N, C-alpha and C. Protein backbone atom coordinates (compact mmCIF):
# COMPACT_ATOMS: atom_id res chain seq x y z
N UNK A 1 0.34 -4.83 11.37
CA UNK A 1 0.06 -4.61 9.98
C UNK A 1 -1.18 -3.76 9.78
N UNK A 2 -2.10 -3.82 10.70
CA UNK A 2 -3.33 -3.06 10.56
C UNK A 2 -3.08 -1.56 10.46
N UNK A 3 -2.00 -1.08 11.08
CA UNK A 3 -1.72 0.34 11.03
C UNK A 3 -1.33 0.82 9.63
N UNK A 4 -0.95 -0.08 8.75
CA UNK A 4 -0.59 0.29 7.37
C UNK A 4 -1.73 0.08 6.38
N UNK A 5 -2.80 -0.61 6.80
CA UNK A 5 -3.90 -0.84 5.87
C UNK A 5 -4.80 0.38 5.83
N UNK A 6 -5.03 0.87 4.62
CA UNK A 6 -5.90 2.02 4.42
C UNK A 6 -5.20 3.10 3.62
N UNK A 7 -6.00 3.96 3.03
CA UNK A 7 -5.46 5.06 2.22
C UNK A 7 -4.84 6.11 3.13
N UNK A 8 -3.83 6.80 2.62
CA UNK A 8 -3.18 7.90 3.33
C UNK A 8 -3.66 9.20 2.68
N UNK A 9 -4.14 10.11 3.49
CA UNK A 9 -4.66 11.37 2.99
C UNK A 9 -3.52 12.25 2.46
N UNK A 10 -3.68 12.77 1.25
CA UNK A 10 -2.69 13.67 0.65
C UNK A 10 -1.32 13.04 0.48
N UNK A 11 -1.22 11.86 -0.15
CA UNK A 11 0.07 11.20 -0.28
C UNK A 11 1.03 11.96 -1.21
N UNK A 12 2.32 11.81 -0.94
CA UNK A 12 3.35 12.37 -1.82
C UNK A 12 3.63 11.44 -2.99
N UNK A 13 3.37 10.15 -2.78
CA UNK A 13 3.56 9.15 -3.84
C UNK A 13 2.39 8.18 -3.80
N UNK A 14 1.99 7.73 -4.97
CA UNK A 14 0.84 6.83 -5.09
C UNK A 14 1.08 5.89 -6.26
N UNK A 15 0.71 4.62 -6.09
CA UNK A 15 0.79 3.66 -7.19
C UNK A 15 -0.42 2.75 -7.13
N UNK A 16 -0.92 2.38 -8.30
CA UNK A 16 -2.06 1.45 -8.39
C UNK A 16 -1.69 0.37 -9.39
N UNK A 17 -1.81 -0.87 -8.97
CA UNK A 17 -1.49 -2.01 -9.81
C UNK A 17 -2.68 -2.96 -9.87
N UNK A 18 -2.96 -3.47 -11.05
CA UNK A 18 -4.02 -4.46 -11.23
C UNK A 18 -3.42 -5.67 -11.93
N UNK A 19 -3.61 -6.85 -11.33
CA UNK A 19 -3.06 -8.06 -11.93
C UNK A 19 -4.03 -8.61 -12.98
N UNK A 20 -3.61 -9.63 -13.74
CA UNK A 20 -4.44 -10.16 -14.83
C UNK A 20 -5.82 -10.68 -14.39
N UNK A 21 -5.96 -11.12 -13.14
CA UNK A 21 -7.27 -11.63 -12.71
C UNK A 21 -8.17 -10.51 -12.20
N UNK A 22 -7.68 -9.26 -12.18
CA UNK A 22 -8.51 -8.13 -11.83
C UNK A 22 -8.35 -7.61 -10.41
N UNK A 23 -7.51 -8.27 -9.59
CA UNK A 23 -7.25 -7.77 -8.24
C UNK A 23 -6.44 -6.48 -8.33
N UNK A 24 -6.76 -5.52 -7.49
CA UNK A 24 -6.08 -4.23 -7.51
C UNK A 24 -5.49 -3.94 -6.14
N UNK A 25 -4.29 -3.35 -6.14
CA UNK A 25 -3.64 -2.89 -4.91
C UNK A 25 -3.18 -1.45 -5.13
N UNK A 26 -3.34 -0.64 -4.10
CA UNK A 26 -2.91 0.75 -4.15
C UNK A 26 -1.95 1.00 -2.99
N UNK A 27 -0.84 1.69 -3.27
CA UNK A 27 0.15 2.06 -2.26
C UNK A 27 0.16 3.57 -2.11
N UNK A 28 0.32 4.03 -0.87
CA UNK A 28 0.37 5.45 -0.55
C UNK A 28 1.59 5.72 0.32
N UNK A 29 2.33 6.80 0.03
CA UNK A 29 3.48 7.19 0.85
C UNK A 29 3.46 8.68 1.12
N UNK A 30 3.80 9.05 2.35
CA UNK A 30 4.03 10.45 2.72
C UNK A 30 5.46 10.54 3.22
N UNK A 31 6.15 11.60 2.82
CA UNK A 31 7.56 11.78 3.18
C UNK A 31 7.78 12.97 4.08
N UNK A 32 8.82 12.89 4.90
CA UNK A 32 9.34 13.99 5.68
C UNK A 32 10.80 14.10 5.25
N UNK A 33 11.08 15.07 4.39
CA UNK A 33 12.38 15.19 3.73
C UNK A 33 12.61 13.91 2.93
N UNK A 34 13.66 13.15 3.20
CA UNK A 34 13.96 11.95 2.43
C UNK A 34 13.51 10.66 3.13
N UNK A 35 12.73 10.79 4.20
CA UNK A 35 12.30 9.62 4.96
C UNK A 35 10.79 9.39 4.81
N UNK A 36 10.40 8.14 4.84
CA UNK A 36 8.98 7.81 4.79
C UNK A 36 8.36 8.14 6.14
N UNK A 37 7.36 9.01 6.12
CA UNK A 37 6.66 9.43 7.34
C UNK A 37 5.47 8.52 7.62
N UNK A 38 4.75 8.15 6.55
CA UNK A 38 3.57 7.29 6.69
C UNK A 38 3.38 6.50 5.41
N UNK A 39 2.95 5.26 5.56
CA UNK A 39 2.67 4.42 4.40
C UNK A 39 1.33 3.73 4.59
N UNK A 40 0.72 3.38 3.48
CA UNK A 40 -0.54 2.67 3.55
C UNK A 40 -0.80 1.92 2.25
N UNK A 41 -1.76 1.01 2.31
CA UNK A 41 -2.14 0.28 1.11
C UNK A 41 -3.60 -0.15 1.24
N UNK A 42 -4.23 -0.36 0.11
CA UNK A 42 -5.56 -0.98 0.05
C UNK A 42 -5.52 -2.02 -1.05
N UNK A 43 -6.36 -3.01 -0.92
CA UNK A 43 -6.46 -4.04 -1.95
C UNK A 43 -7.85 -4.64 -1.95
N UNK A 44 -8.26 -5.13 -3.10
CA UNK A 44 -9.54 -5.83 -3.18
C UNK A 44 -9.33 -7.30 -3.49
N UNK A 45 -8.08 -7.74 -3.45
CA UNK A 45 -7.77 -9.13 -3.76
C UNK A 45 -7.15 -9.85 -2.58
N UNK A 46 -7.62 -11.04 -2.31
CA UNK A 46 -7.16 -11.84 -1.19
C UNK A 46 -5.67 -12.18 -1.31
N UNK A 47 -5.23 -12.65 -2.46
CA UNK A 47 -3.82 -13.04 -2.62
C UNK A 47 -2.90 -11.84 -2.52
N UNK A 48 -3.31 -10.72 -3.08
CA UNK A 48 -2.49 -9.51 -2.99
C UNK A 48 -2.38 -9.03 -1.55
N UNK A 49 -3.44 -9.19 -0.77
CA UNK A 49 -3.41 -8.78 0.63
C UNK A 49 -2.32 -9.52 1.38
N UNK A 50 -2.24 -10.84 1.22
CA UNK A 50 -1.23 -11.61 1.95
C UNK A 50 0.17 -11.33 1.45
N UNK A 51 0.35 -11.11 0.15
CA UNK A 51 1.66 -10.72 -0.36
C UNK A 51 2.10 -9.41 0.26
N UNK A 52 1.20 -8.45 0.34
CA UNK A 52 1.52 -7.13 0.88
C UNK A 52 1.85 -7.22 2.37
N UNK A 53 1.10 -8.01 3.12
CA UNK A 53 1.38 -8.18 4.54
C UNK A 53 2.79 -8.71 4.73
N UNK A 54 3.18 -9.71 3.95
CA UNK A 54 4.53 -10.27 4.06
C UNK A 54 5.58 -9.25 3.67
N UNK A 55 5.32 -8.45 2.64
CA UNK A 55 6.28 -7.45 2.17
C UNK A 55 6.50 -6.37 3.22
N UNK A 56 5.44 -5.86 3.86
CA UNK A 56 5.57 -4.81 4.86
C UNK A 56 6.26 -5.30 6.12
N UNK A 57 6.22 -6.59 6.40
CA UNK A 57 6.86 -7.13 7.60
C UNK A 57 8.36 -7.33 7.43
N UNK A 58 8.89 -7.17 6.23
CA UNK A 58 10.33 -7.37 6.03
C UNK A 58 11.13 -6.32 6.73
């Protein structure tokens, strides 16, 4: 999972979400044609971090 944590330089897609308690998560994607080449995320919230770890492991 550590390989996906962190911002991706020059992403093709980016999303930022903030929940009601103020925790923020950012997603970054780079594509090669129609395939994901690299993905990454950052978060400042503990609960969001564990949700994201579980989601990326699917």
